Amino acid sequence: MNSTPEEQSGTHQQAVTEATSADIKRWRQYLADECAEAAVYRDLAQRREGEERSILLALAEAEGRHEAHWEQLLGEHAEQKRAASLNSQLLGFLARNFGSVFVLALAQRAEGRSPYATDPAATPAMAADEAIHEEVVRGLATRGRNRLSGTFRAAVFGANDGLVSNLSLVMGMAATGVSSQVVLFSGVAGLLAGALSMGAGEFVSVRSQRELLEASRPTQITLHAAPQLDVDQNELVLVYRARGMSQEAAEHRAAERLGILSCDCDPSLSLQPELPEPEDEHEAVGTAWGAATSSFCFFASGAIIPILPFIFGMAGMPALIVAAVLVGLALLVTGAVVGLLSGTSPLSRALRQLAIGLGAAGATYGLGLLFGATIG
């Protein structure tokens, strides 16, 4: 049976009396973190409008209730201010200066790690609040993820493709024993070939998708052919049934088109008149070119990193080590960003990207050694 607020208050007062110095320290940390989290939500609310703003302000208000709980529990000890945790301070800095989906993703993880469920000093309501807050922030973060998913996907995959493929090419060529100049030329050729291939692929993909959609869009032929149709056969019914209407709705729509209003149909089935949709030529062409340009640039930005040591005159194994280190750092960054935006551990995603990238490069290096030994 749930306890009443008065019973919970009495329990907490007893906890204060029996609190150890470790308890006081922990509660002060809770208080500092709650203050910081409330400030994060208020800062984010200043950069939002409408429903998102009101939701963020409501979250800040809830964190304020948690603050009041710890202040009451601490009593005079609440006056001894304590700095918020590093995670909370980082969230605050990002919220004040950026206010992006990255902050919401970090806040989602912070809410999910709340210790209130196992801390007897926190009320069950507070633990439930934190669990619900995680879902609320998840919903807000999902909106941002959906807004940038297309661009983000192209950026991450394009850059990763450039990093992994060109590092593998450079490692494989260098392992065969060719000169550093040949390795550099191979890397530049791989950059251009890969970037052009990515750009062309995106252009064809987007253009083909739009052409498929245009081919599937209903035409206005019914406007011109309807007067000549056999009223008794009424082929228009087949047209509207093929577009997904029920038999009843299709018959009613066909009767409207033919000007026959004596059919036994439900008037609520009437649809808006078909109007030709103007084609946005700029959108049809610009989107494909934009996708191609973005893919080219993203791939090239990743593919240039493995050849930087060779561009600056390095050669041999030192150049390969530097290239592998640079690519490894870039893979860690992109993996961590993926982890942040997906609401999972940035470290695990970063290590996964690193393992995949360096694993592919190591495999091609081994093949290069084998190929070079065979030629030699």
Protein backbone atom coordinates (compact mmCIF):
# COMPACT_ATOMS: atom_id res chain seq x y z
CA MET A 1 0.00 0.00 0.00
CA ASN A 2 1.33 3.47 -0.91
CA SER A 3 2.32 5.71 1.97
CA THR A 4 0.78 9.15 2.44
CA PRO A 5 2.81 12.37 2.01
CA GLU A 6 2.74 12.83 5.78
CA GLU A 7 4.19 9.36 6.33
CA GLN A 8 6.85 10.00 3.70
CA SER A 9 7.71 13.32 5.38
CA GLY A 10 8.09 11.60 8.72
CA THR A 11 10.33 8.96 7.22
CA HIS A 12 12.52 11.63 5.65
CA GLN A 13 12.79 13.59 8.88
CA GLN A 14 13.97 10.42 10.57
CA ALA A 15 16.48 9.97 7.74
CA VAL A 16 17.89 13.45 8.40
CA THR A 17 18.37 12.66 12.06
CA GLU A 18 20.18 9.44 11.25
CA ALA A 19 22.07 10.83 8.23
CA THR A 20 25.79 10.27 8.03
CA SER A 21 28.30 12.67 6.53
CA ALA A 22 28.30 10.51 3.38
CA ASP A 23 24.52 10.89 3.13
CA ILE A 24 24.76 14.66 3.49
CA LYS A 25 27.44 14.78 0.79
CA ARG A 26 25.35 12.65 -1.56
CA TRP A 27 22.20 14.71 -1.03
CA ARG A 28 24.08 17.94 -1.65
CA GLN A 29 25.30 16.47 -4.93
CA TYR A 30 21.73 15.55 -5.84
CA LEU A 31 20.63 19.10 -5.07
CA ALA A 32 23.38 20.62 -7.21
CA ASP A 33 22.58 18.32 -10.13
CA GLU A 34 18.86 19.02 -9.92
CA CYS A 35 19.56 22.77 -10.01
CA ALA A 36 21.82 22.29 -13.04
CA GLU A 37 19.28 20.09 -14.88
CA ALA A 38 16.48 22.58 -14.26
CA ALA A 39 18.70 25.32 -15.70
CA VAL A 40 19.41 23.15 -18.76
CA TYR A 41 15.71 22.74 -19.50
CA ARG A 42 15.09 26.46 -19.04
CA ASP A 43 17.98 27.32 -21.38
CA LEU A 44 16.67 24.88 -23.98
CA ALA A 45 13.16 26.35 -23.62
CA GLN A 46 14.49 29.79 -24.56
CA ARG A 47 15.50 28.36 -27.96
CA ARG A 48 12.15 26.63 -28.59
CA GLU A 49 8.63 27.78 -29.31
CA GLY A 50 5.14 26.48 -28.79
CA GLU A 51 4.63 22.98 -27.46
CA GLU A 52 8.31 22.09 -27.11
CA ARG A 53 8.91 25.21 -25.03
CA SER A 54 6.05 24.44 -22.65
CA ILE A 55 7.22 20.82 -22.24
CA LEU A 56 10.77 21.91 -21.39
CA LEU A 57 9.50 24.45 -18.87
CA ALA A 58 7.34 21.76 -17.27
CA LEU A 59 10.42 19.55 -16.94
CA ALA A 60 12.30 22.41 -15.29
CA GLU A 61 9.40 22.85 -12.86
CA ALA A 62 9.52 19.15 -11.98
CA GLU A 63 13.26 19.35 -11.32
CA GLY A 64 12.46 22.31 -9.08
CA ARG A 65 10.20 20.09 -6.96
CA HIS A 66 13.08 17.66 -6.59
CA GLU A 67 15.32 20.53 -5.52
CA ALA A 68 12.82 21.44 -2.81
CA HIS A 69 12.85 17.85 -1.55
CA TRP A 70 16.61 17.80 -1.09
CA GLU A 71 16.64 21.29 0.42
CA GLN A 72 14.07 20.22 3.00
CA LEU A 73 15.97 17.02 3.72
CA LEU A 74 19.29 18.81 4.07
CA GLY A 75 17.99 21.67 6.18
CA GLU A 76 20.85 23.96 7.16
CA HIS A 77 23.27 21.79 5.19
CA ALA A 78 21.61 22.98 1.96
CA GLU A 79 23.32 26.34 2.38
CA GLN A 80 26.69 24.69 1.73
CA LYS A 81 26.66 24.85 -2.04
CA ARG A 82 28.29 22.10 -4.07
CA ALA A 83 29.32 22.10 -7.73
CA ALA A 84 27.25 20.04 -10.13
CA SER A 85 28.74 16.91 -11.66
CA LEU A 86 30.89 17.22 -14.77
CA ASN A 87 28.11 15.74 -16.89
CA SER A 88 25.62 18.30 -15.63
CA GLN A 89 28.09 21.13 -16.17
CA LEU A 90 28.73 19.94 -19.73
CA LEU A 91 25.00 19.79 -20.39
CA GLY A 92 24.62 23.32 -19.08
CA PHE A 93 27.42 24.65 -21.27
CA LEU A 94 25.99 23.01 -24.39
CA ALA A 95 22.45 24.16 -23.62
CA ARG A 96 23.56 27.76 -23.11
CA ASN A 97 25.71 27.91 -26.23
CA PHE A 98 24.14 25.49 -28.69
CA GLY A 99 20.77 24.14 -27.61
CA SER A 100 20.79 21.34 -30.18
CA VAL A 101 19.52 17.78 -30.34
CA PHE A 102 22.88 16.68 -28.93
CA VAL A 103 21.93 18.28 -25.60
CA LEU A 104 18.60 16.46 -25.53
CA ALA A 105 20.36 13.19 -26.32
CA LEU A 106 22.74 13.73 -23.41
CA ALA A 107 19.86 14.77 -21.15
CA GLN A 108 18.02 11.58 -22.10
CA ARG A 109 20.99 9.50 -20.95
CA ALA A 110 21.29 11.56 -17.76
CA GLU A 111 17.63 10.99 -16.87
CA GLY A 112 18.04 7.27 -17.56
CA ARG A 113 20.94 7.04 -15.08
CA SER A 114 19.03 8.52 -12.16
CA PRO A 115 19.95 6.82 -8.83
CA TYR A 116 16.64 7.67 -7.16
CA ALA A 117 15.13 4.22 -7.69
CA THR A 118 17.70 2.68 -5.33
CA ASP A 119 18.16 5.57 -2.90
CA PRO A 120 15.86 5.32 0.15
CA ALA A 121 16.11 9.07 0.71
CA ALA A 122 14.32 9.73 -2.60
CA THR A 123 10.56 9.29 -2.72
CA PRO A 124 8.96 6.75 -5.08
CA ALA A 125 7.32 9.67 -6.87
CA MET A 126 10.74 11.19 -7.60
CA ALA A 127 12.02 7.92 -9.03
CA ALA A 128 8.90 7.67 -11.19
CA ASP A 129 9.41 11.27 -12.31
CA GLU A 130 12.91 10.54 -13.53
CA ALA A 131 11.74 7.48 -15.48
CA ILE A 132 9.00 9.52 -17.12
CA HIS A 133 11.39 12.41 -17.79
CA GLU A 134 13.60 10.05 -19.78
CA GLU A 135 10.68 9.21 -22.06
CA VAL A 136 9.67 12.87 -22.38
CA VAL A 137 13.20 13.89 -23.36
CA ARG A 138 13.41 10.88 -25.68
CA GLY A 139 10.31 12.18 -27.47
CA LEU A 140 11.76 15.68 -27.80
CA ALA A 141 15.10 14.31 -28.98
CA THR A 142 13.33 12.10 -31.53
CA ARG A 143 11.82 15.18 -33.15
CA GLY A 144 15.29 16.64 -33.62
CA ARG A 145 16.69 13.32 -34.83
CA ASN A 146 13.95 13.09 -37.43
CA ARG A 147 14.67 16.63 -38.63
CA LEU A 148 18.35 15.96 -39.28
CA SER A 149 18.30 12.21 -39.99
CA GLY A 150 18.76 12.54 -43.75
CA THR A 151 21.63 15.03 -43.65
CA PHE A 152 23.23 13.31 -40.69
CA ARG A 153 23.06 9.91 -42.36
CA ALA A 154 24.69 11.24 -45.51
CA ALA A 155 27.42 13.02 -43.52
CA VAL A 156 28.32 10.09 -41.27
CA PHE A 157 28.19 7.38 -43.89
CA GLY A 158 29.95 9.50 -46.49
CA ALA A 159 32.77 10.48 -44.14
CA ASN A 160 33.13 6.95 -42.77
CA ASP A 161 33.26 5.49 -46.26
CA GLY A 162 36.03 7.92 -47.15
CA LEU A 163 37.98 7.21 -43.98
CA VAL A 164 37.81 3.43 -44.14
CA SER A 165 38.09 2.88 -47.89
CA ASN A 166 41.01 5.25 -48.46
CA LEU A 167 42.92 4.12 -45.38
CA SER A 168 42.49 0.54 -46.58
CA LEU A 169 43.70 1.52 -50.04
CA VAL A 170 46.72 3.39 -48.69
CA MET A 171 47.63 0.57 -46.29
CA GLY A 172 47.28 -2.07 -48.98
CA MET A 173 49.37 -0.17 -51.51
CA ALA A 174 52.09 0.66 -48.98
CA ALA A 175 52.32 -2.99 -47.90
CA THR A 176 53.24 -4.07 -51.43
CA GLY A 177 56.46 -2.06 -51.18
CA VAL A 178 55.74 0.64 -53.76
CA SER A 179 57.15 4.14 -53.28
CA SER A 180 55.45 6.75 -51.13
CA GLN A 181 54.71 8.80 -54.24
CA VAL A 182 52.75 5.91 -55.71
CA VAL A 183 50.89 5.51 -52.41
CA LEU A 184 50.01 9.22 -52.46
CA PHE A 185 48.81 9.09 -56.06
CA SER A 186 46.78 5.99 -55.26
CA GLY A 187 45.19 7.76 -52.29
CA VAL A 188 44.31 10.83 -54.36
CA ALA A 189 42.86 8.59 -57.08
CA GLY A 190 40.86 6.70 -54.45
CA LEU A 191 39.57 9.99 -53.03
CA LEU A 192 38.41 11.28 -56.40
CA ALA A 193 37.02 7.95 -57.59
CA GLY A 194 35.14 7.32 -54.37
CA ALA A 195 33.80 10.87 -54.03
CA LEU A 196 32.63 10.95 -57.65
CA SER A 197 31.07 7.52 -57.26
CA MET A 198 29.25 8.59 -54.09
CA GLY A 199 28.06 11.82 -55.69
CA ALA A 200 26.87 10.08 -58.85
CA GLY A 201 25.16 7.38 -56.81
CA GLU A 202 23.28 9.91 -54.68
CA PHE A 203 22.27 11.90 -57.76
CA VAL A 204 20.91 8.82 -59.51
CA SER A 205 19.23 7.59 -56.32
CA VAL A 206 17.41 10.84 -55.58
CA ARG A 207 16.49 11.48 -59.20
CA SER A 208 15.22 7.93 -59.65
CA GLN A 209 13.18 8.15 -56.48
CA ARG A 210 11.53 11.37 -57.61
CA GLU A 211 10.84 9.91 -61.05
CA LEU A 212 9.22 6.87 -59.45
CA LEU A 213 7.05 9.11 -57.30
CA GLU A 214 6.08 11.20 -60.31
CA ALA A 215 5.17 8.05 -62.24
CA SER A 216 2.93 6.97 -59.34
CA ARG A 217 1.17 10.33 -58.97
CA PRO A 218 -2.38 10.28 -60.40
CA THR A 219 -2.79 12.26 -63.64
CA GLN A 220 -5.69 14.50 -64.56
CA ILE A 221 -6.87 12.32 -67.45
CA THR A 222 -10.23 11.86 -65.73
CA LEU A 223 -10.96 15.55 -66.31
CA HIS A 224 -10.76 15.11 -70.09
CA ALA A 225 -11.97 11.55 -70.67
CA ALA A 226 -15.02 11.58 -68.39
CA PRO A 227 -17.47 13.20 -70.87
CA GLN A 228 -16.82 10.45 -73.48
CA LEU A 229 -17.16 7.48 -71.12
CA ASP A 230 -20.03 5.01 -71.29
CA VAL A 231 -22.20 5.96 -68.35
CA ASP A 232 -23.51 2.41 -67.91
CA GLN A 233 -20.04 0.85 -67.85
CA ASN A 234 -18.41 3.71 -65.91
CA GLU A 235 -14.71 2.85 -66.14
CA LEU A 236 -14.03 5.67 -63.66
CA VAL A 237 -15.03 3.38 -60.83
CA LEU A 238 -12.09 1.15 -61.70
CA VAL A 239 -9.76 4.17 -61.66
CA TYR A 240 -10.75 5.18 -58.14
CA ARG A 241 -10.76 1.62 -56.86
CA ALA A 242 -7.23 1.22 -58.20
CA ARG A 243 -6.25 4.33 -56.21
CA GLY A 244 -7.37 2.60 -53.01
CA MET A 245 -11.00 3.71 -52.60
CA SER A 246 -13.76 1.39 -51.48
CA GLN A 247 -16.45 0.37 -54.00
CA GLU A 248 -18.94 2.80 -52.44
CA ALA A 249 -16.51 5.73 -52.38
CA ALA A 250 -15.36 4.98 -55.94
CA GLU A 251 -18.94 4.95 -57.25
CA HIS A 252 -19.71 8.23 -55.53
CA ARG A 253 -16.56 9.88 -56.83
CA ALA A 254 -17.25 8.66 -60.36
CA ALA A 255 -20.81 9.99 -60.16
CA GLU A 256 -19.43 13.38 -59.15
CA ARG A 257 -16.99 13.38 -62.03
CA LEU A 258 -19.70 12.44 -64.55
CA GLY A 259 -22.19 14.91 -63.12
CA ILE A 260 -24.60 12.17 -62.07
CA LEU A 261 -26.05 13.01 -58.69
CA SER A 262 -28.86 10.46 -58.60
CA CYS A 263 -26.75 7.59 -57.27
CA ASP A 264 -27.55 6.17 -53.84
CA CYS A 265 -24.31 7.29 -52.21
CA ASP A 266 -23.29 8.87 -48.96
CA PRO A 267 -22.59 12.60 -49.56
CA SER A 268 -19.88 12.46 -46.87
CA LEU A 269 -17.79 10.47 -49.37
CA SER A 270 -17.37 13.53 -51.57
CA LEU A 271 -13.77 14.51 -52.11
CA GLN A 272 -12.10 17.76 -53.02
CA PRO A 273 -11.88 18.45 -56.75
CA GLU A 274 -8.73 17.16 -58.39
CA LEU A 275 -6.39 20.03 -59.09
CA PRO A 276 -3.18 19.69 -61.04
CA GLU A 277 -0.12 19.91 -58.78
CA PRO A 278 2.44 22.37 -60.08
CA GLU A 279 5.84 20.79 -60.54
CA ASP A 280 8.61 22.42 -58.57
CA GLU A 281 11.42 22.17 -61.10
CA HIS A 282 13.93 23.70 -58.70
CA GLU A 283 13.10 21.09 -56.06
CA ALA A 284 13.18 18.21 -58.55
CA VAL A 285 16.64 19.14 -59.87
CA GLY A 286 18.13 20.96 -56.90
CA THR A 287 17.56 18.16 -54.42
CA ALA A 288 19.40 15.63 -56.57
CA TRP A 289 22.32 17.98 -57.19
CA GLY A 290 22.41 18.93 -53.52
CA ALA A 291 22.55 15.30 -52.44
CA ALA A 292 25.30 14.59 -54.97
CA THR A 293 27.37 17.58 -53.86
CA SER A 294 26.95 16.74 -50.18
CA SER A 295 27.96 13.11 -50.69
CA PHE A 296 31.01 14.16 -52.71
CA CYS A 297 32.15 16.58 -50.01
CA PHE A 298 31.46 14.22 -47.10
CA PHE A 299 33.36 11.35 -48.71
CA ALA A 300 36.26 13.60 -49.70
CA SER A 301 36.49 15.07 -46.18
CA GLY A 302 37.01 11.57 -44.80
CA ALA A 303 39.18 10.24 -47.64
CA ILE A 304 41.73 13.06 -47.43
CA ILE A 305 42.71 12.23 -43.83
CA PRO A 306 44.64 8.99 -44.60
CA ILE A 307 46.80 10.73 -47.22
CA LEU A 308 47.65 13.82 -45.14
CA PRO A 309 50.98 12.36 -43.89
CA PHE A 310 52.04 11.62 -47.48
CA ILE A 311 50.96 15.10 -48.63
CA PHE A 312 53.27 16.61 -46.01
CA GLY A 313 56.23 14.53 -47.12
CA MET A 314 56.18 11.61 -44.70
CA ALA A 315 56.99 8.13 -46.01
CA GLY A 316 57.14 4.48 -45.01
CA MET A 317 55.87 3.05 -41.76
CA PRO A 318 55.84 6.42 -39.87
CA ALA A 319 53.40 7.79 -42.46
CA LEU A 320 51.17 4.73 -42.14
CA ILE A 321 51.15 4.97 -38.35
CA VAL A 322 50.22 8.66 -38.44
CA ALA A 323 47.51 7.95 -41.03
CA ALA A 324 46.08 5.15 -38.89
CA VAL A 325 46.10 7.36 -35.78
CA LEU A 326 44.37 10.26 -37.57
CA VAL A 327 41.72 8.00 -39.06
CA GLY A 328 41.26 6.26 -35.70
CA LEU A 329 40.58 9.59 -34.00
CA ALA A 330 38.12 10.58 -36.71
CA LEU A 331 36.33 7.23 -36.39
CA LEU A 332 36.10 7.68 -32.62
CA VAL A 333 34.52 11.11 -33.10
CA THR A 334 31.95 9.97 -35.67
CA GLY A 335 31.13 6.90 -33.59
CA ALA A 336 30.64 8.98 -30.46
CA VAL A 337 28.36 11.38 -32.33
CA VAL A 338 26.26 8.45 -33.56
CA GLY A 339 26.05 7.17 -30.01
CA LEU A 340 24.95 10.54 -28.67
CA LEU A 341 22.24 11.04 -31.24
CA SER A 342 20.93 7.50 -30.86
CA GLY A 343 20.75 7.84 -27.08
CA THR A 344 23.23 5.01 -26.50
CA SER A 345 26.74 4.90 -25.09
CA PRO A 346 29.09 7.16 -27.08
CA LEU A 347 32.08 5.10 -25.97
CA SER A 348 30.72 1.77 -27.23
CA ARG A 349 29.72 3.27 -30.58
CA ALA A 350 33.11 4.98 -30.92
CA LEU A 351 34.98 1.76 -30.23
CA ARG A 352 32.76 -0.10 -32.67
CA GLN A 353 33.56 2.39 -35.44
CA LEU A 354 37.25 2.18 -34.60
CA ALA A 355 37.28 -1.62 -34.67
CA ILE A 356 35.47 -1.79 -38.00
CA GLY A 357 37.67 0.83 -39.67
CA LEU A 358 41.03 -0.42 -38.46
CA GLY A 359 39.97 -4.03 -38.98
CA ALA A 360 39.28 -3.36 -42.67
CA ALA A 361 42.57 -1.48 -43.03
CA GLY A 362 44.48 -4.28 -41.30
CA ALA A 363 42.95 -6.87 -43.64
CA THR A 364 44.00 -4.96 -46.76
CA TYR A 365 47.47 -4.39 -45.29
CA GLY A 366 47.85 -8.14 -44.84
CA LEU A 367 46.70 -8.75 -48.41
CA GLY A 368 49.16 -6.13 -49.61
CA LEU A 369 52.01 -7.86 -47.81
CA LEU A 370 50.99 -11.16 -49.35
CA PHE A 371 50.65 -9.65 -52.80
CA GLY A 372 54.00 -7.86 -52.53
CA ALA A 373 55.76 -11.02 -51.40
CA THR A 374 54.24 -12.97 -54.28
CA ILE A 375 55.47 -10.42 -56.83
CA GLY A 376 58.87 -10.22 -55.20
